[in-house]
Amino acid sequence: MYIVRNMLKSTLHLSDLGVKIGPRDYVDLDRVGRERVAQSRSLQGALDEGYLFLVKMDGQGPQPRRGSAGAAVAAAPGGSDLLQQIQELKAMLAAASRPGAGGGAGAAGGGGESGDFSEMK
């Protein structure tokens, strides 16, 4: 499976593959053949520009070239890892926003911690 998602609000046409992908739609590009997908310049450009998001690519067939967007997606965590990372991020944000945590909302915008800077003189 080589599933991509159109991130645009308009239809995306991969001319060298003869594929049109509707706005915010998903498509499995293996239907046109992994060989053609691996050689597609329009696919490579769409991935590089962020117009397409690589949802899933299994190891079958030759591996297509990937730009920076494809490489970032390939390294993305799975579902359970992602949920764990989200929970950890929420906890970090909650801890940082508490008064006295340093670097929270108080230090950035008048939360009553202006005395912290007076000791720097």
PDB file of N, CA and C in Angstrom:
ATOM      1  N   MET A   1       0.831  -1.178   0.000  1.00  0.00           N
ATOM      2  CA  MET A   1       0.000   0.000   0.000  1.00  0.00           C
ATOM      3  C   MET A   1       0.875   1.241   0.000  1.00  0.00           C
ATOM      4  N   TYR A   2       0.504   2.208  -0.788  1.00  0.00           N
ATOM      5  CA  TYR A   2       1.192   3.502  -0.850  1.00  0.00           C
ATOM      6  C   TYR A   2       0.089   4.554  -0.835  1.00  0.00           C
ATOM      7  N   ILE A   3      -0.334   4.902   0.375  1.00  0.00           N
ATOM      8  CA  ILE A   3      -1.488   5.786   0.540  1.00  0.00           C
ATOM      9  C   ILE A   3      -1.014   7.210   0.802  1.00  0.00           C
ATOM     10  N   VAL A   4      -1.554   8.142   0.026  1.00  0.00           N
ATOM     11  CA  VAL A   4      -1.257   9.560   0.202  1.00  0.00           C
ATOM     12  C   VAL A   4      -2.557  10.319   0.408  1.00  0.00           C
ATOM     13  N   ARG A   5      -2.448  11.490   1.043  1.00  0.00           N
ATOM     14  CA  ARG A   5      -3.605  12.347   1.257  1.00  0.00           C
ATOM     15  C   ARG A   5      -3.330  13.709   0.648  1.00  0.00           C
ATOM     16  N   ASN A   6      -4.297  14.211  -0.098  1.00  0.00           N
ATOM     17  CA  ASN A   6      -4.224  15.555  -0.657  1.00  0.00           C
ATOM     18  C   ASN A   6      -4.494  16.537   0.477  1.00  0.00           C
ATOM     19  N   MET A   7      -3.547  17.407   0.753  1.00  0.00           N
ATOM     20  CA  MET A   7      -3.682  18.374   1.841  1.00  0.00           C
ATOM     21  C   MET A   7      -4.313  19.686   1.370  1.00  0.00           C
ATOM     22  N   LEU A   8      -4.570  19.804   0.083  1.00  0.00           N
ATOM     23  CA  LEU A   8      -5.102  21.036  -0.488  1.00  0.00           C
ATOM     24  C   LEU A   8      -6.628  21.078  -0.417  1.00  0.00           C
ATOM     25  N   LYS A   9      -7.169  22.270  -0.616  1.00  0.00           N
ATOM     26  CA  LYS A   9      -8.616  22.448  -0.671  1.00  0.00           C
ATOM     27  C   LYS A   9      -9.119  22.342  -2.106  1.00  0.00           C
ATOM     28  N   SER A  10      -8.252  21.916  -3.006  1.00  0.00           N
ATOM     29  CA  SER A  10      -8.625  21.739  -4.408  1.00  0.00           C
ATOM     30  C   SER A  10      -8.076  20.404  -4.905  1.00  0.00           C
ATOM     31  N   THR A  11      -8.554  19.981  -6.054  1.00  0.00           N
ATOM     32  CA  THR A  11      -8.111  18.723  -6.642  1.00  0.00           C
ATOM     33  C   THR A  11      -6.661  18.818  -7.079  1.00  0.00           C
ATOM     34  N   LEU A  12      -5.899  17.764  -6.802  1.00  0.00           N
ATOM     35  CA  LEU A  12      -4.492  17.691  -7.183  1.00  0.00           C
ATOM     36  C   LEU A  12      -4.361  16.663  -8.296  1.00  0.00           C
ATOM     37  N   HIS A  13      -3.685  17.039  -9.382  1.00  0.00           N
ATOM     38  CA  HIS A  13      -3.514  16.150 -10.529  1.00  0.00           C
ATOM     39  C   HIS A  13      -2.056  15.760 -10.644  1.00  0.00           C
ATOM     40  N   LEU A  14      -1.781  14.455 -10.534  1.00  0.00           N
ATOM     41  CA  LEU A  14      -0.432  13.930 -10.744  1.00  0.00           C
ATOM     42  C   LEU A  14      -0.368  13.489 -12.201  1.00  0.00           C
ATOM     43  N   SER A  15       0.081  14.396 -13.059  1.00  0.00           N
ATOM     44  CA  SER A  15      -0.028  14.201 -14.511  1.00  0.00           C
ATOM     45  C   SER A  15       0.711  12.978 -15.018  1.00  0.00           C
ATOM     46  N   ASP A  16       1.918  12.706 -14.518  1.00  0.00           N
ATOM     47  CA  ASP A  16       2.660  11.566 -15.041  1.00  0.00           C
ATOM     48  C   ASP A  16       2.112  10.217 -14.561  1.00  0.00           C
ATOM     49  N   LEU A  17       1.230  10.239 -13.561  1.00  0.00           N
ATOM     50  CA  LEU A  17       0.573   9.013 -13.106  1.00  0.00           C
ATOM     51  C   LEU A  17      -0.864   8.911 -13.612  1.00  0.00           C
ATOM     52  N   GLY A  18      -1.404  10.016 -14.126  1.00  0.00           N
ATOM     53  CA  GLY A  18      -2.794  10.028 -14.579  1.00  0.00           C
ATOM     54  C   GLY A  18      -3.771   9.892 -13.429  1.00  0.00           C
ATOM     55  N   VAL A  19      -3.427  10.464 -12.276  1.00  0.00           N
ATOM     56  CA  VAL A  19      -4.255  10.343 -11.073  1.00  0.00           C
ATOM     57  C   VAL A  19      -4.703  11.724 -10.633  1.00  0.00           C
ATOM     58  N   LYS A  20      -6.001  11.838 -10.324  1.00  0.00           N
ATOM     59  CA  LYS A  20      -6.549  13.053  -9.720  1.00  0.00           C
ATOM     60  C   LYS A  20      -7.005  12.708  -8.314  1.00  0.00           C
ATOM     61  N   ILE A  21      -6.613  13.563  -7.355  1.00  0.00           N
ATOM     62  CA  ILE A  21      -6.965  13.341  -5.963  1.00  0.00           C
ATOM     63  C   ILE A  21      -7.781  14.536  -5.495  1.00  0.00           C
ATOM     64  N   GLY A  22      -8.989  14.259  -5.061  1.00  0.00           N
ATOM     65  CA  GLY A  22      -9.895  15.318  -4.619  1.00  0.00           C
ATOM     66  C   GLY A  22      -9.389  16.012  -3.363  1.00  0.00           C
ATOM     67  N   PRO A  23      -9.999  17.151  -3.038  1.00  0.00           N
ATOM     68  CA  PRO A  23      -9.598  17.908  -1.852  1.00  0.00           C
ATOM     69  C   PRO A  23      -9.688  17.056  -0.589  1.00  0.00           C
ATOM     70  N   ARG A  24      -8.605  17.053   0.191  1.00  0.00           N
ATOM     71  CA  ARG A  24      -8.527  16.333   1.468  1.00  0.00           C
ATOM     72  C   ARG A  24      -8.823  14.839   1.327  1.00  0.00           C
ATOM     73  N   ASP A  25      -8.656  14.281   0.126  1.00  0.00           N
ATOM     74  CA  ASP A  25      -8.981  12.886  -0.142  1.00  0.00           C
ATOM     75  C   ASP A  25      -7.737  12.007  -0.039  1.00  0.00           C
ATOM     76  N   TYR A  26      -7.956  10.707   0.151  1.00  0.00           N
ATOM     77  CA  TYR A  26      -6.902   9.713   0.232  1.00  0.00           C
ATOM     78  C   TYR A  26      -6.940   8.852  -1.024  1.00  0.00           C
ATOM     79  N   VAL A  27      -5.762   8.347  -1.439  1.00  0.00           N
ATOM     80  CA  VAL A  27      -5.711   7.418  -2.564  1.00  0.00           C
ATOM     81  C   VAL A  27      -4.526   6.465  -2.371  1.00  0.00           C
ATOM     82  N   ASP A  28      -4.727   5.202  -2.779  1.00  0.00           N
ATOM     83  CA  ASP A  28      -3.654   4.213  -2.753  1.00  0.00           C
ATOM     84  C   ASP A  28      -3.008   4.213  -4.134  1.00  0.00           C
ATOM     85  N   LEU A  29      -1.795   4.695  -4.230  1.00  0.00           N
ATOM     86  CA  LEU A  29      -1.122   4.823  -5.517  1.00  0.00           C
ATOM     87  C   LEU A  29      -0.595   3.498  -6.064  1.00  0.00           C
ATOM     88  N   ASP A  30      -0.660   2.437  -5.292  1.00  0.00           N
ATOM     89  CA  ASP A  30      -0.254   1.132  -5.810  1.00  0.00           C
ATOM     90  C   ASP A  30      -1.151   0.673  -6.950  1.00  0.00           C
ATOM     91  N   ARG A  31      -2.306   1.277  -7.085  1.00  0.00           N
ATOM     92  CA  ARG A  31      -3.210   0.894  -8.180  1.00  0.00           C
ATOM     93  C   ARG A  31      -2.619   1.243  -9.546  1.00  0.00           C
ATOM     94  N   VAL A  32      -1.677   2.180  -9.603  1.00  0.00           N
ATOM     95  CA  VAL A  32      -1.019   2.513 -10.870  1.00  0.00           C
ATOM     96  C   VAL A  32       0.321   1.806 -11.002  1.00  0.00           C
ATOM     97  N   GLY A  33       0.755   1.119  -9.970  1.00  0.00           N
ATOM     98  CA  GLY A  33       2.002   0.374 -10.015  1.00  0.00           C
ATOM     99  C   GLY A  33       3.131   1.084  -9.290  1.00  0.00           C
ATOM    100  N   ARG A  34       3.830   0.336  -8.459  1.00  0.00           N
ATOM    101  CA  ARG A  34       4.898   0.908  -7.644  1.00  0.00           C
ATOM    102  C   ARG A  34       6.062   1.404  -8.499  1.00  0.00           C
ATOM    103  N   GLU A  35       6.319   0.747  -9.618  1.00  0.00           N
ATOM    104  CA  GLU A  35       7.385   1.201 -10.528  1.00  0.00           C
ATOM    105  C   GLU A  35       7.116   2.630 -11.003  1.00  0.00           C
ATOM    106  N   ARG A  36       5.894   2.871 -11.479  1.00  0.00           N
ATOM    107  CA  ARG A  36       5.531   4.212 -11.963  1.00  0.00           C
ATOM    108  C   ARG A  36       5.555   5.228 -10.829  1.00  0.00           C
ATOM    109  N   VAL A  37       5.097   4.817  -9.664  1.00  0.00           N
ATOM    110  CA  VAL A  37       5.076   5.709  -8.505  1.00  0.00           C
ATOM    111  C   VAL A  37       6.506   6.108  -8.128  1.00  0.00           C
ATOM    112  N   ALA A  38       7.421   5.141  -8.158  1.00  0.00           N
ATOM    113  CA  ALA A  38       8.810   5.400  -7.787  1.00  0.00           C
ATOM    114  C   ALA A  38       9.483   6.390  -8.732  1.00  0.00           C
ATOM    115  N   GLN A  39       9.023   6.468  -9.974  1.00  0.00           N
ATOM    116  CA  GLN A  39       9.637   7.337 -10.973  1.00  0.00           C
ATOM    117  C   GLN A  39       8.877   8.644 -11.185  1.00  0.00           C
ATOM    118  N   SER A  40       7.797   8.857 -10.464  1.00  0.00           N
ATOM    119  CA  SER A  40       6.931  10.008 -10.691  1.00  0.00           C
ATOM    120  C   SER A  40       7.545  11.314 -10.195  1.00  0.00           C
ATOM    121  N   ARG A  41       7.748  12.241 -11.124  1.00  0.00           N
ATOM    122  CA  ARG A  41       8.253  13.574 -10.744  1.00  0.00           C
ATOM    123  C   ARG A  41       7.153  14.423 -10.115  1.00  0.00           C
ATOM    124  N   SER A  42       5.920  14.265 -10.591  1.00  0.00           N
ATOM    125  CA  SER A  42       4.836  15.069 -10.015  1.00  0.00           C
ATOM    126  C   SER A  42       4.550  14.648  -8.572  1.00  0.00           C
ATOM    127  N   LEU A  43       4.653  13.356  -8.279  1.00  0.00           N
ATOM    128  CA  LEU A  43       4.472  12.877  -6.911  1.00  0.00           C
ATOM    129  C   LEU A  43       5.582  13.419  -6.020  1.00  0.00           C
ATOM    130  N   GLN A  44       6.823  13.335  -6.505  1.00  0.00           N
ATOM    131  CA  GLN A  44       7.953  13.839  -5.731  1.00  0.00           C
ATOM    132  C   GLN A  44       7.780  15.328  -5.419  1.00  0.00           C
ATOM    133  N   GLY A  45       7.377  16.106  -6.417  1.00  0.00           N
ATOM    134  CA  GLY A  45       7.172  17.543  -6.203  1.00  0.00           C
ATOM    135  C   GLY A  45       6.063  17.820  -5.210  1.00  0.00           C
ATOM    136  N   ALA A  46       4.964  17.076  -5.307  1.00  0.00           N
ATOM    137  CA  ALA A  46       3.834  17.275  -4.393  1.00  0.00           C
ATOM    138  C   ALA A  46       4.220  16.925  -2.960  1.00  0.00           C
ATOM    139  N   LEU A  47       5.014  15.872  -2.776  1.00  0.00           N
ATOM    140  CA  LEU A  47       5.478  15.512  -1.434  1.00  0.00           C
ATOM    141  C   LEU A  47       6.437  16.577  -0.894  1.00  0.00           C
ATOM    142  N   ASP A  48       7.360  17.025  -1.746  1.00  0.00           N
ATOM    143  CA  ASP A  48       8.335  18.040  -1.322  1.00  0.00           C
ATOM    144  C   ASP A  48       7.657  19.343  -0.914  1.00  0.00           C
ATOM    145  N   GLU A  49       6.614  19.735  -1.637  1.00  0.00           N
ATOM    146  CA  GLU A  49       5.922  20.996  -1.361  1.00  0.00           C
ATOM    147  C   GLU A  49       4.891  20.885  -0.242  1.00  0.00           C
ATOM    148  N   GLY A  50       4.607  19.667   0.216  1.00  0.00           N
ATOM    149  CA  GLY A  50       3.626  19.474   1.279  1.00  0.00           C
ATOM    150  C   GLY A  50       2.191  19.427   0.789  1.00  0.00           C
ATOM    151  N   TYR A  51       2.008  19.329  -0.536  1.00  0.00           N
ATOM    152  CA  TYR A  51       0.653  19.220  -1.086  1.00  0.00           C
ATOM    153  C   TYR A  51       0.065  17.841  -0.779  1.00  0.00           C
ATOM    154  N   LEU A  52       0.936  16.833  -0.733  1.00  0.00           N
ATOM    155  CA  LEU A  52       0.537  15.478  -0.389  1.00  0.00           C
ATOM    156  C   LEU A  52       1.198  15.074   0.914  1.00  0.00           C
ATOM    157  N   PHE A  53       0.477  14.267   1.678  1.00  0.00           N
ATOM    158  CA  PHE A  53       0.968  13.716   2.931  1.00  0.00           C
ATOM    159  C   PHE A  53       1.042  12.207   2.760  1.00  0.00           C
ATOM    160  N   LEU A  54       2.193  11.613   3.029  1.00  0.00           N
ATOM    161  CA  LEU A  54       2.359  10.170   2.910  1.00  0.00           C
ATOM    162  C   LEU A  54       1.773   9.513   4.158  1.00  0.00           C
ATOM    163  N   VAL A  55       0.635   8.849   3.987  1.00  0.00           N
ATOM    164  CA  VAL A  55      -0.063   8.235   5.112  1.00  0.00           C
ATOM    165  C   VAL A  55       0.542   6.884   5.439  1.00  0.00           C
ATOM    166  N   LYS A  56       0.750   6.040   4.399  1.00  0.00           N
ATOM    167  CA  LYS A  56       1.278   4.698   4.632  1.00  0.00           C
ATOM    168  C   LYS A  56       2.019   4.220   3.398  1.00  0.00           C
ATOM    169  N   MET A  57       3.183   3.620   3.647  1.00  0.00           N
ATOM    170  CA  MET A  57       3.927   2.992   2.567  1.00  0.00           C
ATOM    171  C   MET A  57       4.503   1.701   3.116  1.00  0.00           C
ATOM    172  N   ASP A  58       4.076   0.571   2.545  1.00  0.00           N
ATOM    173  CA  ASP A  58       4.647  -0.688   3.000  1.00  0.00           C
ATOM    174  C   ASP A  58       5.904  -0.991   2.198  1.00  0.00           C
ATOM    175  N   GLY A  59       6.582  -2.061   2.540  1.00  0.00           N
ATOM    176  CA  GLY A  59       7.863  -2.374   1.930  1.00  0.00           C
ATOM    177  C   GLY A  59       7.788  -3.122   0.620  1.00  0.00           C
ATOM    178  N   GLN A  60       6.630  -3.309   0.050  1.00  0.00           N
ATOM    179  CA  GLN A  60       6.520  -4.065  -1.196  1.00  0.00           C
ATOM    180  C   GLN A  60       6.929  -3.207  -2.371  1.00  0.00           C
ATOM    181  N   GLY A  61       7.629  -3.818  -3.294  1.00  0.00           N
ATOM    182  CA  GLY A  61       8.013  -3.105  -4.506  1.00  0.00           C
ATOM    183  C   GLY A  61       9.190  -2.191  -4.255  1.00  0.00           C
ATOM    184  N   PRO A  62       9.703  -1.565  -5.315  1.00  0.00           N
ATOM    185  CA  PRO A  62      10.827  -0.646  -5.155  1.00  0.00           C
ATOM    186  C   PRO A  62      10.414   0.569  -4.345  1.00  0.00           C
ATOM    187  N   GLN A  63      11.311   1.044  -3.514  1.00  0.00           N
ATOM    188  CA  GLN A  63      11.014   2.196  -2.678  1.00  0.00           C
ATOM    189  C   GLN A  63      11.101   3.472  -3.500  1.00  0.00           C
ATOM    190  N   PRO A  64      10.063   4.307  -3.475  1.00  0.00           N
ATOM    191  CA  PRO A  64      10.096   5.553  -4.225  1.00  0.00           C
ATOM    192  C   PRO A  64      11.021   6.566  -3.561  1.00  0.00           C
ATOM    193  N   ARG A  65      11.471   7.512  -4.365  1.00  0.00           N
ATOM    194  CA  ARG A  65      12.264   8.611  -3.829  1.00  0.00           C
ATOM    195  C   ARG A  65      11.372   9.446  -2.933  1.00  0.00           C
ATOM    196  N   ARG A  66      11.953   9.964  -1.863  1.00  0.00           N
ATOM    197  CA  ARG A  66      11.174  10.821  -0.971  1.00  0.00           C
ATOM    198  C   ARG A  66      11.957  12.071  -0.692  1.00  0.00           C
ATOM    199  N   GLY A  67      11.238  13.184  -0.682  1.00  0.00           N
ATOM    200  CA  GLY A  67      11.847  14.451  -0.316  1.00  0.00           C
ATOM    201  C   GLY A  67      11.739  14.656   1.168  1.00  0.00           C
ATOM    202  N   SER A  68      11.913  15.872   1.607  1.00  0.00           N
ATOM    203  CA  SER A  68      11.898  16.170   3.033  1.00  0.00           C
ATOM    204  C   SER A  68      10.552  15.836   3.663  1.00  0.00           C
ATOM    205  N   ALA A  69       9.465  16.076   2.953  1.00  0.00           N
ATOM    206  CA  ALA A  69       8.139  15.795   3.519  1.00  0.00           C
ATOM    207  C   ALA A  69       7.944  14.296   3.685  1.00  0.00           C
ATOM    208  N   GLY A  70       8.339  13.526   2.702  1.00  0.00           N
ATOM    209  CA  GLY A  70       8.201  12.073   2.772  1.00  0.00           C
ATOM    210  C   GLY A  70       9.067  11.479   3.866  1.00  0.00           C
ATOM    211  N   ALA A  71      10.269  11.990   4.023  1.00  0.00           N
ATOM    212  CA  ALA A  71      11.172  11.477   5.043  1.00  0.00           C
ATOM    213  C   ALA A  71      10.618  11.752   6.429  1.00  0.00           C
ATOM    214  N   ALA A  72      10.041  12.906   6.620  1.00  0.00           N
ATOM    215  CA  ALA A  72       9.473  13.237   7.925  1.00  0.00           C
ATOM    216  C   ALA A  72       8.291  12.335   8.234  1.00  0.00           C
ATOM    217  N   VAL A  73       7.497  12.034   7.248  1.00  0.00           N
ATOM    218  CA  VAL A  73       6.337  11.183   7.462  1.00  0.00           C
ATOM    219  C   VAL A  73       6.763   9.759   7.756  1.00  0.00           C
ATOM    220  N   ALA A  74       7.791   9.282   7.066  1.00  0.00           N
ATOM    221  CA  ALA A  74       8.246   7.920   7.276  1.00  0.00           C
ATOM    222  C   ALA A  74       8.731   7.716   8.707  1.00  0.00           C
ATOM    223  N   ALA A  75       9.226   8.762   9.331  1.00  0.00           N
ATOM    224  CA  ALA A  75       9.724   8.659  10.694  1.00  0.00           C
ATOM    225  C   ALA A  75       8.644   8.943  11.735  1.00  0.00           C
ATOM    226  N   ALA A  76       7.434   9.239  11.296  1.00  0.00           N
ATOM    227  CA  ALA A  76       6.354   9.569  12.224  1.00  0.00           C
ATOM    228  C   ALA A  76       5.979   8.354  13.059  1.00  0.00           C
ATOM    229  N   PRO A  77       5.614   8.551  14.324  1.00  0.00           N
ATOM    230  CA  PRO A  77       5.275   7.442  15.199  1.00  0.00           C
ATOM    231  C   PRO A  77       3.938   6.830  14.832  1.00  0.00           C
ATOM    232  N   GLY A  78       3.734   5.584  15.277  1.00  0.00           N
ATOM    233  CA  GLY A  78       2.469   4.894  15.059  1.00  0.00           C
ATOM    234  C   GLY A  78       1.391   5.440  15.975  1.00  0.00           C
ATOM    235  N   GLY A  79       0.198   4.869  15.904  1.00  0.00           N
ATOM    236  CA  GLY A  79      -0.950   5.366  16.651  1.00  0.00           C
ATOM    237  C   GLY A  79      -0.753   5.416  18.147  1.00  0.00           C
ATOM    238  N   SER A  80      -0.340   4.289  18.776  1.00  0.00           N
ATOM    239  CA  SER A  80      -0.195   4.275  20.230  1.00  0.00           C
ATOM    240  C   SER A  80       0.973   5.140  20.673  1.00  0.00           C
ATOM    241  N   ASP A  81       2.089   5.147  19.899  1.00  0.00           N
ATOM    242  CA  ASP A  81       3.218   6.012  20.227  1.00  0.00           C
ATOM    243  C   ASP A  81       2.804   7.472  20.142  1.00  0.00           C
ATOM    244  N   LEU A  82       2.024   7.795  19.132  1.00  0.00           N
ATOM    245  CA  LEU A  82       1.578   9.169  18.946  1.00  0.00           C
ATOM    246  C   LEU A  82       0.710   9.620  20.119  1.00  0.00           C
ATOM    247  N   LEU A  83      -0.200   8.774  20.563  1.00  0.00           N
ATOM    248  CA  LEU A  83      -1.052   9.121  21.702  1.00  0.00           C
ATOM    249  C   LEU A  83      -0.218   9.347  22.956  1.00  0.00           C
ATOM    250  N   GLN A  84       0.789   8.513  23.164  1.00  0.00           N
ATOM    251  CA  GLN A  84       1.657   8.676  24.320  1.00  0.00           C
ATOM    252  C   GLN A  84       2.418   9.997  24.241  1.00  0.00           C
ATOM    253  N   GLN A  85       2.920  10.330  23.054  1.00  0.00           N
ATOM    254  CA  GLN A  85       3.646  11.583  22.889  1.00  0.00           C
ATOM    255  C   GLN A  85       2.741  12.790  23.099  1.00  0.00           C
ATOM    256  N   ILE A  86       1.500  12.702  22.665  1.00  0.00           N
ATOM    257  CA  ILE A  86       0.544  13.790  22.872  1.00  0.00           C
ATOM    258  C   ILE A  86       0.299  13.987  24.368  1.00  0.00           C
ATOM    259  N   GLN A  87       0.122  12.889  25.091  1.00  0.00           N
ATOM    260  CA  GLN A  87      -0.110  12.988  26.541  1.00  0.00           C
ATOM    261  C   GLN A  87       1.105  13.603  27.240  1.00  0.00           C
ATOM    262  N   GLU A  88       2.312  13.200  26.826  1.00  0.00           N
ATOM    263  CA  GLU A  88       3.520  13.766  27.422  1.00  0.00           C
ATOM    264  C   GLU A  88       3.625  15.262  27.127  1.00  0.00           C
ATOM    265  N   LEU A  89       3.289  15.651  25.910  1.00  0.00           N
ATOM    266  CA  LEU A  89       3.338  17.062  25.533  1.00  0.00           C
ATOM    267  C   LEU A  89       2.328  17.871  26.335  1.00  0.00           C
ATOM    268  N   LYS A  90       1.125  17.330  26.523  1.00  0.00           N
ATOM    269  CA  LYS A  90       0.113  18.013  27.335  1.00  0.00           C
ATOM    270  C   LYS A  90       0.616  18.222  28.757  1.00  0.00           C
ATOM    271  N   ALA A  91       1.247  17.196  29.310  1.00  0.00           N
ATOM    272  CA  ALA A  91       1.753  17.304  30.680  1.00  0.00           C
ATOM    273  C   ALA A  91       2.849  18.360  30.765  1.00  0.00           C
ATOM    274  N   MET A  92       3.735  18.397  29.765  1.00  0.00           N
ATOM    275  CA  MET A  92       4.801  19.398  29.754  1.00  0.00           C
ATOM    276  C   MET A  92       4.228  20.805  29.641  1.00  0.00           C
ATOM    277  N   LEU A  93       3.232  20.978  28.783  1.00  0.00           N
ATOM    278  CA  LEU A  93       2.619  22.293  28.621  1.00  0.00           C
ATOM    279  C   LEU A  93       1.894  22.729  29.885  1.00  0.00           C
ATOM    280  N   ALA A  94       1.218  21.792  30.518  1.00  0.00           N
ATOM    281  CA  ALA A  94       0.513  22.122  31.756  1.00  0.00           C
ATOM    282  C   ALA A  94       1.500  22.523  32.845  1.00  0.00           C
ATOM    283  N   ALA A  95       2.622  21.803  32.937  1.00  0.00           N
ATOM    284  CA  ALA A  95       3.629  22.121  33.947  1.00  0.00           C
ATOM    285  C   ALA A  95       4.274  23.476  33.665  1.00  0.00           C
ATOM    286  N   ALA A  96       4.520  23.778  32.395  1.00  0.00           N
ATOM    287  CA  ALA A  96       5.162  25.038  32.033  1.00  0.00           C
ATOM    288  C   ALA A  96       4.241  26.232  32.242  1.00  0.00           C
ATOM    289  N   SER A  97       2.938  26.020  32.203  1.00  0.00           N
ATOM    290  CA  SER A  97       2.009  27.141  32.340  1.00  0.00           C
ATOM    291  C   SER A  97       1.675  27.451  33.796  1.00  0.00           C
ATOM    292  N   ARG A  98       2.098  26.611  34.736  1.00  0.00           N
ATOM    293  CA  ARG A  98       1.848  26.878  36.161  1.00  0.00           C
ATOM    294  C   ARG A  98       2.732  28.015  36.640  1.00  0.00           C
ATOM    295  N   PRO A  99       2.217  28.879  37.550  1.00  0.00           N
ATOM    296  CA  PRO A  99       3.035  29.974  38.107  1.00  0.00           C
ATOM    297  C   PRO A  99       4.266  29.400  38.805  1.00  0.00           C
ATOM    298  N   GLY A 100       5.401  30.046  38.572  1.00  0.00           N
ATOM    299  CA  GLY A 100       6.633  29.626  39.211  1.00  0.00           C
ATOM    300  C   GLY A 100       7.353  28.506  38.489  1.00  0.00           C
ATOM    301  N   ALA A 101       6.811  28.051  37.368  1.00  0.00           N
ATOM    302  CA  ALA A 101       7.448  26.970  36.630  1.00  0.00           C
ATOM    303  C   ALA A 101       8.576  27.477  35.754  1.00  0.00           C
ATOM    304  N   GLY A 102       8.644  28.790  35.557  1.00  0.00           N
ATOM    305  CA  GLY A 102       9.699  29.364  34.727  1.00  0.00           C
ATOM    306  C   GLY A 102       9.430  29.096  33.267  1.00  0.00           C
ATOM    307  N   GLY A 103       9.318  30.125  32.462  1.00  0.00           N
ATOM    308  CA  GLY A 103       9.052  29.944  31.047  1.00  0.00           C
ATOM    309  C   GLY A 103       7.590  29.800  30.732  1.00  0.00           C
ATOM    310  N   GLY A 104       6.726  29.938  31.718  1.00  0.00           N
ATOM    311  CA  GLY A 104       5.298  29.821  31.483  1.00  0.00           C
ATOM    312  C   GLY A 104       4.717  31.123  30.985  1.00  0.00           C
ATOM    313  N   ALA A 105       3.403  31.243  31.035  1.00  0.00           N
ATOM    314  CA  ALA A 105       2.723  32.428  30.526  1.00  0.00           C
ATOM    315  C   ALA A 105       3.087  33.667  31.330  1.00  0.00           C
ATOM    316  N   GLY A 106       3.404  33.522  32.627  1.00  0.00           N
ATOM    317  CA  GLY A 106       3.729  34.669  33.460  1.00  0.00           C
ATOM    318  C   GLY A 106       4.998  35.375  33.019  1.00  0.00           C
ATOM    319  N   ALA A 107       5.997  34.628  32.604  1.00  0.00           N
ATOM    320  CA  ALA A 107       7.263  35.235  32.203  1.00  0.00           C
ATOM    321  C   ALA A 107       7.137  35.959  30.882  1.00  0.00           C
ATOM    322  N   ALA A 108       6.174  35.560  30.076  1.00  0.00           N
ATOM    323  CA  ALA A 108       6.058  36.151  28.746  1.00  0.00           C
ATOM    324  C   ALA A 108       5.137  37.354  28.702  1.00  0.00           C
ATOM    325  N   GLY A 109       4.187  37.445  29.617  1.00  0.00           N
ATOM    326  CA  GLY A 109       3.226  38.514  29.416  1.00  0.00           C
ATOM    327  C   GLY A 109       2.579  39.088  30.638  1.00  0.00           C
ATOM    328  N   GLY A 110       3.320  39.502  31.632  1.00  0.00           N
ATOM    329  CA  GLY A 110       2.742  40.245  32.739  1.00  0.00           C
ATOM    330  C   GLY A 110       1.952  39.407  33.703  1.00  0.00           C
ATOM    331  N   GLY A 111       2.421  38.251  34.047  1.00  0.00           N
ATOM    332  CA  GLY A 111       1.729  37.405  34.998  1.00  0.00           C
ATOM    333  C   GLY A 111       2.166  37.664  36.416  1.00  0.00           C
ATOM    334  N   GLY A 112       2.826  38.794  36.678  1.00  0.00           N
ATOM    335  CA  GLY A 112       3.230  39.120  38.029  1.00  0.00           C
ATOM    336  C   GLY A 112       4.624  38.648  38.368  1.00  0.00           C
ATOM    337  N   GLU A 113       5.409  38.257  37.446  1.00  0.00           N
ATOM    338  CA  GLU A 113       6.744  37.774  37.725  1.00  0.00           C
ATOM    339  C   GLU A 113       7.813  38.763  37.248  1.00  0.00           C
ATOM    340  N   SER A 114       7.477  40.038  37.203  1.00  0.00           N
ATOM    341  CA  SER A 114       8.446  41.029  36.728  1.00  0.00           C
ATOM    342  C   SER A 114       9.617  41.175  37.668  1.00  0.00           C
ATOM    343  N   GLY A 115       9.481  40.759  38.945  1.00  0.00           N
ATOM    344  CA  GLY A 115      10.561  40.820  39.899  1.00  0.00           C
ATOM    345  C   GLY A 115      11.722  39.902  39.545  1.00  0.00           C
ATOM    346  N   ASP A 116      11.492  38.877  38.754  1.00  0.00           N
ATOM    347  CA  ASP A 116      12.546  37.953  38.363  1.00  0.00           C
ATOM    348  C   ASP A 116      13.667  38.660  37.626  1.00  0.00           C
ATOM    349  N   PHE A 117      13.361  39.704  36.874  1.00  0.00           N
ATOM    350  CA  PHE A 117      14.343  40.387  36.068  1.00  0.00           C
ATOM    351  C   PHE A 117      15.146  41.424  36.855  1.00  0.00           C
ATOM    352  N   SER A 118      14.621  41.855  37.998  1.00  0.00           N
ATOM    353  CA  SER A 118      15.310  42.891  38.762  1.00  0.00           C
ATOM    354  C   SER A 118      16.598  42.349  39.376  1.00  0.00           C
ATOM    355  N   GLU A 119      16.697  41.053  39.603  1.00  0.00           N
ATOM    356  CA  GLU A 119      17.890  40.464  40.209  1.00  0.00           C
ATOM    357  C   GLU A 119      19.037  40.362  39.213  1.00  0.00           C
ATOM    358  N   MET A 120      18.774  40.590  37.942  1.00  0.00           N
ATOM    359  CA  MET A 120      19.795  40.445  36.921  1.00  0.00           C
ATOM    360  C   MET A 120      20.750  41.628  36.887  1.00  0.00           C
ATOM    361  N   LYS A 121      20.420  42.762  37.538  1.00  0.00           N
ATOM    362  CA  LYS A 121      21.250  43.982  37.487  1.00  0.00           C
ATOM    363  C   LYS A 121      22.481  43.883  38.315  1.00  0.00           C
TER     364      LYS A 121
END
